[in-house]
Amino acid sequence: MILIHVICKNKQEAKKIANFLLKLKLIAGADFYQVESVYRWNNKIVNDKKIAMFLKTKKENYKKIETVFKKLSSNEVPCIFEIVLNKANRQYKDWVKQETRIV
């Protein structure tokens, strides 16, 4: 099981992407967090509010999720990375496995 961390422009975009990934059974669920970011873009320091998401899935789904996210994200340079979970409770891991199984 892995978490995929992504950043979206706003909550509307985050929900659209999460719902699309759920319909494809690529993720078991998504958590949304409002974040404040500061970063350098085009030689300027930018302060911005965005939505971060943790997507719960299986390791083998990362590439497909990355492809979908890049297509649906409005960010010029989409932020997406994998967080490998060394431990999680058995029931939760089983739920993720069940929900990401393509029928």
PDB file of N, CA and C in Angstrom:
ATOM      1  N   MET A   1       0.845  -1.184   0.000  1.00  0.00           N
ATOM      2  CA  MET A   1       0.000   0.000   0.000  1.00  0.00           C
ATOM      3  C   MET A   1       0.885   1.240   0.000  1.00  0.00           C
ATOM      4  N   ILE A   2       0.439   2.253  -0.738  1.00  0.00           N
ATOM      5  CA  ILE A   2       1.166   3.523  -0.785  1.00  0.00           C
ATOM      6  C   ILE A   2       0.180   4.677  -0.638  1.00  0.00           C
ATOM      7  N   LEU A   3       0.714   5.829  -0.302  1.00  0.00           N
ATOM      8  CA  LEU A   3      -0.009   7.094  -0.406  1.00  0.00           C
ATOM      9  C   LEU A   3       0.632   7.852  -1.557  1.00  0.00           C
ATOM     10  N   ILE A   4      -0.187   8.514  -2.333  1.00  0.00           N
ATOM     11  CA  ILE A   4       0.342   9.401  -3.365  1.00  0.00           C
ATOM     12  C   ILE A   4      -0.061  10.811  -2.961  1.00  0.00           C
ATOM     13  N   HIS A   5       0.935  11.666  -2.855  1.00  0.00           N
ATOM     14  CA  HIS A   5       0.721  13.062  -2.469  1.00  0.00           C
ATOM     15  C   HIS A   5       0.676  13.900  -3.742  1.00  0.00           C
ATOM     16  N   VAL A   6      -0.398  14.673  -3.898  1.00  0.00           N
ATOM     17  CA  VAL A   6      -0.534  15.556  -5.054  1.00  0.00           C
ATOM     18  C   VAL A   6      -1.004  16.926  -4.576  1.00  0.00           C
ATOM     19  N   ILE A   7      -0.755  17.927  -5.389  1.00  0.00           N
ATOM     20  CA  ILE A   7      -1.204  19.294  -5.098  1.00  0.00           C
ATOM     21  C   ILE A   7      -2.120  19.749  -6.233  1.00  0.00           C
ATOM     22  N   CYS A   8      -3.277  20.295  -5.862  1.00  0.00           N
ATOM     23  CA  CYS A   8      -4.252  20.795  -6.831  1.00  0.00           C
ATOM     24  C   CYS A   8      -4.475  22.288  -6.627  1.00  0.00           C
ATOM     25  N   LYS A   9      -4.944  22.927  -7.682  1.00  0.00           N
ATOM     26  CA  LYS A   9      -5.191  24.377  -7.665  1.00  0.00           C
ATOM     27  C   LYS A   9      -6.233  24.754  -6.623  1.00  0.00           C
ATOM     28  N   ASN A  10      -7.303  23.951  -6.530  1.00  0.00           N
ATOM     29  CA  ASN A  10      -8.385  24.251  -5.592  1.00  0.00           C
ATOM     30  C   ASN A  10      -9.158  22.970  -5.267  1.00  0.00           C
ATOM     31  N   LYS A  11     -10.134  23.088  -4.378  1.00  0.00           N
ATOM     32  CA  LYS A  11     -10.883  21.911  -3.934  1.00  0.00           C
ATOM     33  C   LYS A  11     -11.724  21.319  -5.062  1.00  0.00           C
ATOM     34  N   GLN A  12     -12.259  22.160  -5.920  1.00  0.00           N
ATOM     35  CA  GLN A  12     -13.063  21.678  -7.049  1.00  0.00           C
ATOM     36  C   GLN A  12     -12.228  20.767  -7.948  1.00  0.00           C
ATOM     37  N   GLU A  13     -11.011  21.199  -8.274  1.00  0.00           N
ATOM     38  CA  GLU A  13     -10.134  20.375  -9.105  1.00  0.00           C
ATOM     39  C   GLU A  13      -9.762  19.081  -8.379  1.00  0.00           C
ATOM     40  N   ALA A  14      -9.464  19.164  -7.089  1.00  0.00           N
ATOM     41  CA  ALA A  14      -9.081  17.988  -6.308  1.00  0.00           C
ATOM     42  C   ALA A  14     -10.212  16.955  -6.287  1.00  0.00           C
ATOM     43  N   LYS A  15     -11.438  17.405  -6.048  1.00  0.00           N
ATOM     44  CA  LYS A  15     -12.576  16.484  -6.007  1.00  0.00           C
ATOM     45  C   LYS A  15     -12.836  15.856  -7.375  1.00  0.00           C
ATOM     46  N   LYS A  16     -12.687  16.635  -8.430  1.00  0.00           N
ATOM     47  CA  LYS A  16     -12.878  16.113  -9.785  1.00  0.00           C
ATOM     48  C   LYS A  16     -11.878  14.993 -10.065  1.00  0.00           C
ATOM     49  N   ILE A  17     -10.624  15.219  -9.724  1.00  0.00           N
ATOM     50  CA  ILE A  17      -9.585  14.216  -9.964  1.00  0.00           C
ATOM     51  C   ILE A  17      -9.817  12.989  -9.082  1.00  0.00           C
ATOM     52  N   ALA A  18     -10.123  13.201  -7.811  1.00  0.00           N
ATOM     53  CA  ALA A  18     -10.353  12.081  -6.891  1.00  0.00           C
ATOM     54  C   ALA A  18     -11.531  11.228  -7.348  1.00  0.00           C
ATOM     55  N   ASN A  19     -12.617  11.853  -7.721  1.00  0.00           N
ATOM     56  CA  ASN A  19     -13.790  11.102  -8.178  1.00  0.00           C
ATOM     57  C   ASN A  19     -13.497  10.306  -9.456  1.00  0.00           C
ATOM     58  N   PHE A  20     -12.735  10.888 -10.357  1.00  0.00           N
ATOM     59  CA  PHE A  20     -12.365  10.189 -11.588  1.00  0.00           C
ATOM     60  C   PHE A  20     -11.522   8.952 -11.262  1.00  0.00           C
ATOM     61  N   LEU A  21     -10.536   9.110 -10.371  1.00  0.00           N
ATOM     62  CA  LEU A  21      -9.680   7.989  -9.982  1.00  0.00           C
ATOM     63  C   LEU A  21     -10.468   6.913  -9.240  1.00  0.00           C
ATOM     64  N   LEU A  22     -11.452   7.329  -8.436  1.00  0.00           N
ATOM     65  CA  LEU A  22     -12.308   6.360  -7.745  1.00  0.00           C
ATOM     66  C   LEU A  22     -13.138   5.553  -8.742  1.00  0.00           C
ATOM     67  N   LYS A  23     -13.691   6.224  -9.738  1.00  0.00           N
ATOM     68  CA  LYS A  23     -14.493   5.523 -10.748  1.00  0.00           C
ATOM     69  C   LYS A  23     -13.661   4.501 -11.517  1.00  0.00           C
ATOM     70  N   LEU A  24     -12.379   4.795 -11.712  1.00  0.00           N
ATOM     71  CA  LEU A  24     -11.484   3.864 -12.395  1.00  0.00           C
ATOM     72  C   LEU A  24     -10.958   2.779 -11.450  1.00  0.00           C
ATOM     73  N   LYS A  25     -11.304   2.880 -10.168  1.00  0.00           N
ATOM     74  CA  LYS A  25     -10.834   1.958  -9.123  1.00  0.00           C
ATOM     75  C   LYS A  25      -9.311   1.975  -8.991  1.00  0.00           C
ATOM     76  N   LEU A  26      -8.706   3.129  -9.275  1.00  0.00           N
ATOM     77  CA  LEU A  26      -7.263   3.269  -9.113  1.00  0.00           C
ATOM     78  C   LEU A  26      -6.891   3.668  -7.691  1.00  0.00           C
ATOM     79  N   ILE A  27      -7.852   4.250  -6.956  1.00  0.00           N
ATOM     80  CA  ILE A  27      -7.618   4.606  -5.557  1.00  0.00           C
ATOM     81  C   ILE A  27      -8.775   4.078  -4.714  1.00  0.00           C
ATOM     82  N   ALA A  28      -8.489   3.882  -3.434  1.00  0.00           N
ATOM     83  CA  ALA A  28      -9.541   3.478  -2.495  1.00  0.00           C
ATOM     84  C   ALA A  28     -10.192   4.702  -1.876  1.00  0.00           C
ATOM     85  N   GLY A  29      -9.463   5.805  -1.791  1.00  0.00           N
ATOM     86  CA  GLY A  29      -9.995   7.026  -1.204  1.00  0.00           C
ATOM     87  C   GLY A  29      -8.977   8.148  -1.292  1.00  0.00           C
ATOM     88  N   ALA A  30      -9.431   9.345  -0.932  1.00  0.00           N
ATOM     89  CA  ALA A  30      -8.569  10.531  -0.969  1.00  0.00           C
ATOM     90  C   ALA A  30      -8.881  11.419   0.229  1.00  0.00           C
ATOM     91  N   ASP A  31      -7.848  12.008   0.787  1.00  0.00           N
ATOM     92  CA  ASP A  31      -7.994  12.992   1.863  1.00  0.00           C
ATOM     93  C   ASP A  31      -7.523  14.336   1.335  1.00  0.00           C
ATOM     94  N   PHE A  32      -8.260  15.385   1.667  1.00  0.00           N
ATOM     95  CA  PHE A  32      -7.963  16.737   1.195  1.00  0.00           C
ATOM     96  C   PHE A  32      -7.478  17.605   2.356  1.00  0.00           C
ATOM     97  N   TYR A  33      -6.477  18.434   2.084  1.00  0.00           N
ATOM     98  CA  TYR A  33      -5.940  19.353   3.075  1.00  0.00           C
ATOM     99  C   TYR A  33      -5.671  20.694   2.408  1.00  0.00           C
ATOM    100  N   GLN A  34      -6.160  21.763   3.010  1.00  0.00           N
ATOM    101  CA  GLN A  34      -5.789  23.083   2.494  1.00  0.00           C
ATOM    102  C   GLN A  34      -4.386  23.389   2.988  1.00  0.00           C
ATOM    103  N   VAL A  35      -3.532  23.808   2.082  1.00  0.00           N
ATOM    104  CA  VAL A  35      -2.147  24.114   2.427  1.00  0.00           C
ATOM    105  C   VAL A  35      -1.789  25.495   1.909  1.00  0.00           C
ATOM    106  N   GLU A  36      -0.862  26.116   2.599  1.00  0.00           N
ATOM    107  CA  GLU A  36      -0.269  27.358   2.119  1.00  0.00           C
ATOM    108  C   GLU A  36       1.120  27.022   1.633  1.00  0.00           C
ATOM    109  N   SER A  37       1.424  27.458   0.443  1.00  0.00           N
ATOM    110  CA  SER A  37       2.721  27.148  -0.164  1.00  0.00           C
ATOM    111  C   SER A  37       3.484  28.434  -0.422  1.00  0.00           C
ATOM    112  N   VAL A  38       4.766  28.327  -0.321  1.00  0.00           N
ATOM    113  CA  VAL A  38       5.658  29.401  -0.755  1.00  0.00           C
ATOM    114  C   VAL A  38       6.714  28.730  -1.626  1.00  0.00           C
ATOM    115  N   TYR A  39       6.919  29.287  -2.814  1.00  0.00           N
ATOM    116  CA  TYR A  39       7.842  28.669  -3.759  1.00  0.00           C
ATOM    117  C   TYR A  39       8.316  29.712  -4.759  1.00  0.00           C
ATOM    118  N   ARG A  40       9.387  29.363  -5.454  1.00  0.00           N
ATOM    119  CA  ARG A  40       9.925  30.248  -6.488  1.00  0.00           C
ATOM    120  C   ARG A  40       9.374  29.790  -7.832  1.00  0.00           C
ATOM    121  N   TRP A  41       8.812  30.726  -8.591  1.00  0.00           N
ATOM    122  CA  TRP A  41       8.279  30.424  -9.920  1.00  0.00           C
ATOM    123  C   TRP A  41       8.588  31.595 -10.836  1.00  0.00           C
ATOM    124  N   ASN A  42       9.258  31.335 -11.934  1.00  0.00           N
ATOM    125  CA  ASN A  42       9.643  32.374 -12.890  1.00  0.00           C
ATOM    126  C   ASN A  42      10.393  33.521 -12.208  1.00  0.00           C
ATOM    127  N   ASN A  43      11.353  33.147 -11.373  1.00  0.00           N
ATOM    128  CA  ASN A  43      12.204  34.110 -10.646  1.00  0.00           C
ATOM    129  C   ASN A  43      11.447  35.006  -9.675  1.00  0.00           C
ATOM    130  N   LYS A  44      10.270  34.570  -9.246  1.00  0.00           N
ATOM    131  CA  LYS A  44       9.497  35.316  -8.252  1.00  0.00           C
ATOM    132  C   LYS A  44       9.148  34.375  -7.109  1.00  0.00           C
ATOM    133  N   ILE A  45       9.079  34.919  -5.909  1.00  0.00           N
ATOM    134  CA  ILE A  45       8.615  34.135  -4.771  1.00  0.00           C
ATOM    135  C   ILE A  45       7.100  34.284  -4.697  1.00  0.00           C
ATOM    136  N   VAL A  46       6.422  33.133  -4.692  1.00  0.00           N
ATOM    137  CA  VAL A  46       4.966  33.098  -4.731  1.00  0.00           C
ATOM    138  C   VAL A  46       4.444  32.532  -3.410  1.00  0.00           C
ATOM    139  N   ASN A  47       3.451  33.204  -2.838  1.00  0.00           N
ATOM    140  CA  ASN A  47       2.710  32.700  -1.678  1.00  0.00           C
ATOM    141  C   ASN A  47       1.326  32.342  -2.195  1.00  0.00           C
ATOM    142  N   ASP A  48       0.899  31.102  -1.952  1.00  0.00           N
ATOM    143  CA  ASP A  48      -0.318  30.618  -2.575  1.00  0.00           C
ATOM    144  C   ASP A  48      -1.043  29.651  -1.646  1.00  0.00           C
ATOM    145  N   LYS A  49      -2.348  29.546  -1.822  1.00  0.00           N
ATOM    146  CA  LYS A  49      -3.138  28.542  -1.126  1.00  0.00           C
ATOM    147  C   LYS A  49      -3.567  27.509  -2.150  1.00  0.00           C
ATOM    148  N   LYS A  50      -3.388  26.243  -1.793  1.00  0.00           N
ATOM    149  CA  LYS A  50      -3.728  25.147  -2.685  1.00  0.00           C
ATOM    150  C   LYS A  50      -4.361  24.028  -1.876  1.00  0.00           C
ATOM    151  N   ILE A  51      -4.725  22.949  -2.552  1.00  0.00           N
ATOM    152  CA  ILE A  51      -5.261  21.760  -1.896  1.00  0.00           C
ATOM    153  C   ILE A  51      -4.290  20.612  -2.122  1.00  0.00           C
ATOM    154  N   ALA A  52      -3.882  19.980  -1.018  1.00  0.00           N
ATOM    155  CA  ALA A  52      -3.065  18.774  -1.090  1.00  0.00           C
ATOM    156  C   ALA A  52      -3.996  17.584  -0.929  1.00  0.00           C
ATOM    157  N   MET A  53      -3.668  16.501  -1.606  1.00  0.00           N
ATOM    158  CA  MET A  53      -4.439  15.265  -1.465  1.00  0.00           C
ATOM    159  C   MET A  53      -3.499  14.117  -1.175  1.00  0.00           C
ATOM    160  N   PHE A  54      -3.944  13.219  -0.309  1.00  0.00           N
ATOM    161  CA  PHE A  54      -3.307  11.928  -0.133  1.00  0.00           C
ATOM    162  C   PHE A  54      -4.226  10.902  -0.777  1.00  0.00           C
ATOM    163  N   LEU A  55      -3.729  10.212  -1.768  1.00  0.00           N
ATOM    164  CA  LEU A  55      -4.484   9.181  -2.470  1.00  0.00           C
ATOM    165  C   LEU A  55      -4.029   7.825  -1.951  1.00  0.00           C
ATOM    166  N   LYS A  56      -4.969   6.983  -1.545  1.00  0.00           N
ATOM    167  CA  LYS A  56      -4.653   5.669  -0.984  1.00  0.00           C
ATOM    168  C   LYS A  56      -4.805   4.616  -2.064  1.00  0.00           C
ATOM    169  N   THR A  57      -3.739   3.854  -2.292  1.00  0.00           N
ATOM    170  CA  THR A  57      -3.760   2.899  -3.396  1.00  0.00           C
ATOM    171  C   THR A  57      -2.714   1.815  -3.219  1.00  0.00           C
ATOM    172  N   LYS A  58      -2.602   0.989  -4.252  1.00  0.00           N
ATOM    173  CA  LYS A  58      -1.574  -0.050  -4.320  1.00  0.00           C
ATOM    174  C   LYS A  58      -0.393   0.478  -5.129  1.00  0.00           C
ATOM    175  N   LYS A  59       0.781  -0.026  -4.803  1.00  0.00           N
ATOM    176  CA  LYS A  59       1.999   0.414  -5.482  1.00  0.00           C
ATOM    177  C   LYS A  59       1.901   0.271  -7.002  1.00  0.00           C
ATOM    178  N   GLU A  60       1.302  -0.806  -7.460  1.00  0.00           N
ATOM    179  CA  GLU A  60       1.249  -1.046  -8.907  1.00  0.00           C
ATOM    180  C   GLU A  60       0.348  -0.051  -9.656  1.00  0.00           C
ATOM    181  N   ASN A  61      -0.426   0.762  -8.950  1.00  0.00           N
ATOM    182  CA  ASN A  61      -1.291   1.748  -9.606  1.00  0.00           C
ATOM    183  C   ASN A  61      -0.622   3.112  -9.804  1.00  0.00           C
ATOM    184  N   TYR A  62       0.587   3.289  -9.269  1.00  0.00           N
ATOM    185  CA  TYR A  62       1.210   4.619  -9.302  1.00  0.00           C
ATOM    186  C   TYR A  62       1.309   5.189 -10.718  1.00  0.00           C
ATOM    187  N   LYS A  63       1.851   4.442 -11.652  1.00  0.00           N
ATOM    188  CA  LYS A  63       2.075   4.977 -13.007  1.00  0.00           C
ATOM    189  C   LYS A  63       0.768   5.407 -13.671  1.00  0.00           C
ATOM    190  N   LYS A  64      -0.286   4.592 -13.526  1.00  0.00           N
ATOM    191  CA  LYS A  64      -1.581   4.951 -14.117  1.00  0.00           C
ATOM    192  C   LYS A  64      -2.123   6.227 -13.477  1.00  0.00           C
ATOM    193  N   ILE A  65      -2.009   6.329 -12.157  1.00  0.00           N
ATOM    194  CA  ILE A  65      -2.492   7.518 -11.450  1.00  0.00           C
ATOM    195  C   ILE A  65      -1.686   8.733 -11.869  1.00  0.00           C
ATOM    196  N   GLU A  66      -0.380   8.575 -11.993  1.00  0.00           N
ATOM    197  CA  GLU A  66       0.471   9.684 -12.424  1.00  0.00           C
ATOM    198  C   GLU A  66       0.033  10.191 -13.800  1.00  0.00           C
ATOM    199  N   THR A  67      -0.231   9.288 -14.717  1.00  0.00           N
ATOM    200  CA  THR A  67      -0.659   9.664 -16.068  1.00  0.00           C
ATOM    201  C   THR A  67      -1.977  10.429 -16.032  1.00  0.00           C
ATOM    202  N   VAL A  68      -2.955   9.903 -15.295  1.00  0.00           N
ATOM    203  CA  VAL A  68      -4.256  10.568 -15.186  1.00  0.00           C
ATOM    204  C   VAL A  68      -4.104  11.935 -14.528  1.00  0.00           C
ATOM    205  N   PHE A  69      -3.353  11.983 -13.433  1.00  0.00           N
ATOM    206  CA  PHE A  69      -3.198  13.252 -12.710  1.00  0.00           C
ATOM    207  C   PHE A  69      -2.561  14.320 -13.593  1.00  0.00           C
ATOM    208  N   LYS A  70      -1.530  13.965 -14.323  1.00  0.00           N
ATOM    209  CA  LYS A  70      -0.869  14.940 -15.197  1.00  0.00           C
ATOM    210  C   LYS A  70      -1.824  15.488 -16.248  1.00  0.00           C
ATOM    211  N   LYS A  71      -2.725  14.649 -16.741  1.00  0.00           N
ATOM    212  CA  LYS A  71      -3.691  15.106 -17.748  1.00  0.00           C
ATOM    213  C   LYS A  71      -4.751  16.027 -17.154  1.00  0.00           C
ATOM    214  N   LEU A  72      -5.163  15.764 -15.907  1.00  0.00           N
ATOM    215  CA  LEU A  72      -6.265  16.517 -15.306  1.00  0.00           C
ATOM    216  C   LEU A  72      -5.820  17.723 -14.472  1.00  0.00           C
ATOM    217  N   SER A  73      -4.576  17.740 -14.066  1.00  0.00           N
ATOM    218  CA  SER A  73      -4.073  18.840 -13.239  1.00  0.00           C
ATOM    219  C   SER A  73      -3.913  20.113 -14.065  1.00  0.00           C
ATOM    220  N   SER A  74      -4.263  21.234 -13.467  1.00  0.00           N
ATOM    221  CA  SER A  74      -4.093  22.510 -14.158  1.00  0.00           C
ATOM    222  C   SER A  74      -2.707  23.111 -13.904  1.00  0.00           C
ATOM    223  N   ASN A  75      -1.913  22.477 -13.055  1.00  0.00           N
ATOM    224  CA  ASN A  75      -0.574  22.984 -12.766  1.00  0.00           C
ATOM    225  C   ASN A  75       0.367  22.712 -13.931  1.00  0.00           C
ATOM    226  N   GLU A  76       1.147  23.711 -14.281  1.00  0.00           N
ATOM    227  CA  GLU A  76       2.097  23.570 -15.385  1.00  0.00           C
ATOM    228  C   GLU A  76       3.126  22.478 -15.080  1.00  0.00           C
ATOM    229  N   VAL A  77       3.557  22.416 -13.817  1.00  0.00           N
ATOM    230  CA  VAL A  77       4.460  21.362 -13.356  1.00  0.00           C
ATOM    231  C   VAL A  77       3.750  20.655 -12.205  1.00  0.00           C
ATOM    232  N   PRO A  78       3.005  19.588 -12.511  1.00  0.00           N
ATOM    233  CA  PRO A  78       2.224  18.914 -11.473  1.00  0.00           C
ATOM    234  C   PRO A  78       3.108  18.305 -10.384  1.00  0.00           C
ATOM    235  N   CYS A  79       2.660  18.444  -9.142  1.00  0.00           N
ATOM    236  CA  CYS A  79       3.344  17.841  -7.999  1.00  0.00           C
ATOM    237  C   CYS A  79       2.680  16.503  -7.706  1.00  0.00           C
ATOM    238  N   ILE A  80       3.438  15.427  -7.847  1.00  0.00           N
ATOM    239  CA  ILE A  80       2.924  14.095  -7.534  1.00  0.00           C
ATOM    240  C   ILE A  80       4.104  13.243  -7.076  1.00  0.00           C
ATOM    241  N   PHE A  81       3.958  12.643  -5.887  1.00  0.00           N
ATOM    242  CA  PHE A  81       4.999  11.718  -5.455  1.00  0.00           C
ATOM    243  C   PHE A  81       4.431  10.637  -4.560  1.00  0.00           C
ATOM    244  N   GLU A  82       5.154   9.544  -4.514  1.00  0.00           N
ATOM    245  CA  GLU A  82       4.746   8.342  -3.798  1.00  0.00           C
ATOM    246  C   GLU A  82       5.351   8.321  -2.399  1.00  0.00           C
ATOM    247  N   ILE A  83       4.539   7.932  -1.437  1.00  0.00           N
ATOM    248  CA  ILE A  83       5.011   7.709  -0.073  1.00  0.00           C
ATOM    249  C   ILE A  83       4.753   6.233   0.233  1.00  0.00           C
ATOM    250  N   VAL A  84       5.815   5.488   0.426  1.00  0.00           N
ATOM    251  CA  VAL A  84       5.691   4.057   0.708  1.00  0.00           C
ATOM    252  C   VAL A  84       5.411   3.885   2.194  1.00  0.00           C
ATOM    253  N   LEU A  85       4.391   3.110   2.486  1.00  0.00           N
ATOM    254  CA  LEU A  85       4.027   2.838   3.872  1.00  0.00           C
ATOM    255  C   LEU A  85       4.625   1.505   4.290  1.00  0.00           C
ATOM    256  N   ASN A  86       5.482   1.542   5.260  1.00  0.00           N
ATOM    257  CA  ASN A  86       6.069   0.304   5.757  1.00  0.00           C
ATOM    258  C   ASN A  86       5.104  -0.459   6.651  1.00  0.00           C
ATOM    259  N   LYS A  87       4.235   0.268   7.319  1.00  0.00           N
ATOM    260  CA  LYS A  87       3.289  -0.382   8.213  1.00  0.00           C
ATOM    261  C   LYS A  87       1.933   0.299   8.126  1.00  0.00           C
ATOM    262  N   ALA A  88       0.908  -0.528   8.198  1.00  0.00           N
ATOM    263  CA  ALA A  88      -0.479  -0.056   8.282  1.00  0.00           C
ATOM    264  C   ALA A  88      -1.271  -1.223   8.844  1.00  0.00           C
ATOM    265  N   ASN A  89      -2.378  -0.921   9.499  1.00  0.00           N
ATOM    266  CA  ASN A  89      -3.138  -2.035  10.072  1.00  0.00           C
ATOM    267  C   ASN A  89      -3.734  -2.908   8.970  1.00  0.00           C
ATOM    268  N   ARG A  90      -3.826  -4.181   9.260  1.00  0.00           N
ATOM    269  CA  ARG A  90      -4.254  -5.191   8.284  1.00  0.00           C
ATOM    270  C   ARG A  90      -5.606  -4.869   7.676  1.00  0.00           C
ATOM    271  N   GLN A  91      -6.607  -4.468   8.501  1.00  0.00           N
ATOM    272  CA  GLN A  91      -7.942  -4.186   7.974  1.00  0.00           C
ATOM    273  C   GLN A  91      -7.911  -3.043   6.960  1.00  0.00           C
ATOM    274  N   TYR A  92      -7.113  -2.027   7.248  1.00  0.00           N
ATOM    275  CA  TYR A  92      -7.037  -0.890   6.339  1.00  0.00           C
ATOM    276  C   TYR A  92      -6.370  -1.292   5.027  1.00  0.00           C
ATOM    277  N   LYS A  93      -5.277  -2.036   5.109  1.00  0.00           N
ATOM    278  CA  LYS A  93      -4.603  -2.503   3.897  1.00  0.00           C
ATOM    279  C   LYS A  93      -5.526  -3.399   3.075  1.00  0.00           C
ATOM    280  N   ASP A  94      -6.283  -4.255   3.746  1.00  0.00           N
ATOM    281  CA  ASP A  94      -7.234  -5.117   3.030  1.00  0.00           C
ATOM    282  C   ASP A  94      -8.303  -4.293   2.326  1.00  0.00           C
ATOM    283  N   TRP A  95      -8.781  -3.231   2.987  1.00  0.00           N
ATOM    284  CA  TRP A  95      -9.793  -2.354   2.392  1.00  0.00           C
ATOM    285  C   TRP A  95      -9.234  -1.687   1.122  1.00  0.00           C
ATOM    286  N   VAL A  96      -8.018  -1.164   1.206  1.00  0.00           N
ATOM    287  CA  VAL A  96      -7.402  -0.529   0.036  1.00  0.00           C
ATOM    288  C   VAL A  96      -7.265  -1.537  -1.095  1.00  0.00           C
ATOM    289  N   LYS A  97      -6.814  -2.721  -0.784  1.00  0.00           N
ATOM    290  CA  LYS A  97      -6.652  -3.760  -1.807  1.00  0.00           C
ATOM    291  C   LYS A  97      -8.000  -4.100  -2.455  1.00  0.00           C
ATOM    292  N   GLN A  98      -9.031  -4.247  -1.636  1.00  0.00           N
ATOM    293  CA  GLN A  98     -10.368  -4.580  -2.143  1.00  0.00           C
ATOM    294  C   GLN A  98     -10.934  -3.465  -3.024  1.00  0.00           C
ATOM    295  N   GLU A  99     -10.794  -2.228  -2.599  1.00  0.00           N
ATOM    296  CA  GLU A  99     -11.379  -1.099  -3.322  1.00  0.00           C
ATOM    297  C   GLU A  99     -10.634  -0.748  -4.602  1.00  0.00           C
ATOM    298  N   THR A 100      -9.414  -1.191  -4.738  1.00  0.00           N
ATOM    299  CA  THR A 100      -8.653  -0.882  -5.956  1.00  0.00           C
ATOM    300  C   THR A 100      -8.580  -2.093  -6.883  1.00  0.00           C
ATOM    301  N   ARG A 101      -9.357  -3.081  -6.586  1.00  0.00           N
ATOM    302  CA  ARG A 101      -9.418  -4.264  -7.441  1.00  0.00           C
ATOM    303  C   ARG A 101     -10.364  -3.983  -8.591  1.00  0.00           C
ATOM    304  N   ILE A 102      -9.879  -4.172  -9.793  1.00  0.00           N
ATOM    305  CA  ILE A 102     -10.726  -3.940 -10.964  1.00  0.00           C
ATOM    306  C   ILE A 102     -11.589  -5.172 -11.188  1.00  0.00           C
ATOM    307  N   VAL A 103     -12.890  -4.929 -11.257  1.00  0.00           N
ATOM    308  CA  VAL A 103     -13.849  -6.015 -11.380  1.00  0.00           C
ATOM    309  C   VAL A 103     -14.023  -6.403 -12.840  1.00  0.00           C
TER     310      VAL A 103
END
